[in-house]
Amino acid sequence: MDPIAWLLGLGSLLMFGIVVVHLLTALVLIIPTWRICMRAGFSGALSLFHLVPLIGPFIVMAVLAFSDWPGGEASPGKR
């Protein structure tokens, strides 16, 4: 068997595994993030940024952390 073909096959398998793990992780994060966004007053579709590799979760966190929530926020003294 040709070593180049073996390496290409192994690389394809590795890439497939990375994509599957990314999608499973994104799906696990989308459900709770969807609920958080809805409670904060944002569209739940914002949580779909988790599907963007590497920077997607950071986009969601930045929006939730640095924007005014349309649903309002609790004041620091009240719980």
C-alpha atoms as a PDB file:
ATOM      1  CA  MET A   1       0.000   0.000   0.000  1.00  0.00           C
ATOM      2  CA  ASP A   2       1.220   3.455  -0.889  1.00  0.00           C
ATOM      3  CA  PRO A   3       2.267   5.464   2.230  1.00  0.00           C
ATOM      4  CA  ILE A   4       0.906   8.713   0.759  1.00  0.00           C
ATOM      5  CA  ALA A   5      -2.553   7.197   0.274  1.00  0.00           C
ATOM      6  CA  TRP A   6      -2.438   5.839   3.828  1.00  0.00           C
ATOM      7  CA  LEU A   7      -1.592   9.287   5.228  1.00  0.00           C
ATOM      8  CA  LEU A   8      -4.355  10.944   3.181  1.00  0.00           C
ATOM      9  CA  GLY A   9      -6.855   8.371   4.422  1.00  0.00           C
ATOM     10  CA  LEU A  10      -5.750   8.877   8.027  1.00  0.00           C
ATOM     11  CA  GLY A  11      -5.983  12.657   7.622  1.00  0.00           C
ATOM     12  CA  SER A  12      -9.483  12.377   6.195  1.00  0.00           C
ATOM     13  CA  LEU A  13     -10.549  10.175   9.095  1.00  0.00           C
ATOM     14  CA  LEU A  14      -9.043  12.603  11.586  1.00  0.00           C
ATOM     15  CA  MET A  15     -10.797  15.561   9.939  1.00  0.00           C
ATOM     16  CA  PHE A  16     -14.106  13.683   9.981  1.00  0.00           C
ATOM     17  CA  GLY A  17     -13.634  12.975  13.688  1.00  0.00           C
ATOM     18  CA  ILE A  18     -12.911  16.634  14.424  1.00  0.00           C
ATOM     19  CA  VAL A  19     -16.041  17.732  12.541  1.00  0.00           C
ATOM     20  CA  VAL A  20     -18.214  15.202  14.375  1.00  0.00           C
ATOM     21  CA  VAL A  21     -16.858  16.232  17.789  1.00  0.00           C
ATOM     22  CA  HIS A  22     -17.370  19.916  16.929  1.00  0.00           C
ATOM     23  CA  LEU A  23     -20.983  19.341  15.864  1.00  0.00           C
ATOM     24  CA  LEU A  24     -21.786  17.278  18.965  1.00  0.00           C
ATOM     25  CA  THR A  25     -20.259  19.913  21.245  1.00  0.00           C
ATOM     26  CA  ALA A  26     -22.113  22.703  19.429  1.00  0.00           C
ATOM     27  CA  LEU A  27     -25.416  20.847  19.747  1.00  0.00           C
ATOM     28  CA  VAL A  28     -24.872  20.350  23.466  1.00  0.00           C
ATOM     29  CA  LEU A  29     -24.198  24.097  23.872  1.00  0.00           C
ATOM     30  CA  ILE A  30     -27.004  25.346  21.612  1.00  0.00           C
ATOM     31  CA  ILE A  31     -29.890  24.161  23.810  1.00  0.00           C
ATOM     32  CA  PRO A  32     -28.925  25.940  27.064  1.00  0.00           C
ATOM     33  CA  THR A  33     -27.657  28.997  25.185  1.00  0.00           C
ATOM     34  CA  TRP A  34     -30.979  29.220  23.318  1.00  0.00           C
ATOM     35  CA  ARG A  35     -32.826  29.320  26.651  1.00  0.00           C
ATOM     36  CA  ILE A  36     -30.454  31.918  28.105  1.00  0.00           C
ATOM     37  CA  CYS A  37     -30.873  34.138  25.042  1.00  0.00           C
ATOM     38  CA  MET A  38     -34.667  33.860  25.196  1.00  0.00           C
ATOM     39  CA  ARG A  39     -34.721  34.776  28.904  1.00  0.00           C
ATOM     40  CA  ALA A  40     -32.408  37.724  28.256  1.00  0.00           C
ATOM     41  CA  GLY A  41     -34.710  38.998  25.503  1.00  0.00           C
ATOM     42  CA  PHE A  42     -32.549  38.087  22.496  1.00  0.00           C
ATOM     43  CA  SER A  43     -33.483  35.819  19.633  1.00  0.00           C
ATOM     44  CA  GLY A  44     -32.695  32.211  20.411  1.00  0.00           C
ATOM     45  CA  ALA A  45     -31.103  31.923  16.977  1.00  0.00           C
ATOM     46  CA  LEU A  46     -28.111  33.788  18.422  1.00  0.00           C
ATOM     47  CA  SER A  47     -27.065  30.474  19.942  1.00  0.00           C
ATOM     48  CA  LEU A  48     -26.528  29.046  16.443  1.00  0.00           C
ATOM     49  CA  PHE A  49     -23.210  30.920  16.375  1.00  0.00           C
ATOM     50  CA  HIS A  50     -21.908  27.887  18.292  1.00  0.00           C
ATOM     51  CA  LEU A  51     -21.812  26.148  14.915  1.00  0.00           C
ATOM     52  CA  VAL A  52     -19.076  28.547  13.717  1.00  0.00           C
ATOM     53  CA  PRO A  53     -15.757  26.816  14.426  1.00  0.00           C
ATOM     54  CA  LEU A  54     -13.402  28.364  17.000  1.00  0.00           C
ATOM     55  CA  ILE A  55     -14.924  31.852  17.311  1.00  0.00           C
ATOM     56  CA  GLY A  56     -18.652  31.060  17.501  1.00  0.00           C
ATOM     57  CA  PRO A  57     -18.902  30.582  21.288  1.00  0.00           C
ATOM     58  CA  PHE A  58     -16.865  33.750  21.839  1.00  0.00           C
ATOM     59  CA  ILE A  59     -19.302  35.738  19.672  1.00  0.00           C
ATOM     60  CA  VAL A  60     -22.238  34.505  21.752  1.00  0.00           C
ATOM     61  CA  MET A  61     -20.450  35.274  25.027  1.00  0.00           C
ATOM     62  CA  ALA A  62     -19.469  38.762  23.836  1.00  0.00           C
ATOM     63  CA  VAL A  63     -23.020  39.614  22.804  1.00  0.00           C
ATOM     64  CA  LEU A  64     -24.441  38.391  26.113  1.00  0.00           C
ATOM     65  CA  ALA A  65     -21.737  40.077  28.176  1.00  0.00           C
ATOM     66  CA  PHE A  66     -21.419  43.481  26.536  1.00  0.00           C
ATOM     67  CA  SER A  67     -24.839  44.400  25.144  1.00  0.00           C
ATOM     68  CA  ASP A  68     -27.923  45.751  26.871  1.00  0.00           C
ATOM     69  CA  TRP A  69     -30.415  42.969  27.443  1.00  0.00           C
ATOM     70  CA  PRO A  70     -33.816  43.742  25.912  1.00  0.00           C
ATOM     71  CA  GLY A  71     -35.441  41.639  28.651  1.00  0.00           C
ATOM     72  CA  GLY A  72     -33.808  43.732  31.375  1.00  0.00           C
ATOM     73  CA  GLU A  73     -31.252  42.830  34.004  1.00  0.00           C
ATOM     74  CA  ALA A  74     -31.536  42.365  37.739  1.00  0.00           C
ATOM     75  CA  SER A  75     -29.831  45.087  39.703  1.00  0.00           C
ATOM     76  CA  PRO A  76     -26.752  43.922  41.661  1.00  0.00           C
ATOM     77  CA  GLY A  77     -28.399  44.320  45.079  1.00  0.00           C
ATOM     78  CA  LYS A  78     -31.558  42.329  44.254  1.00  0.00           C
ATOM     79  CA  ARG A  79     -31.660  38.555  43.965  1.00  0.00           C
END
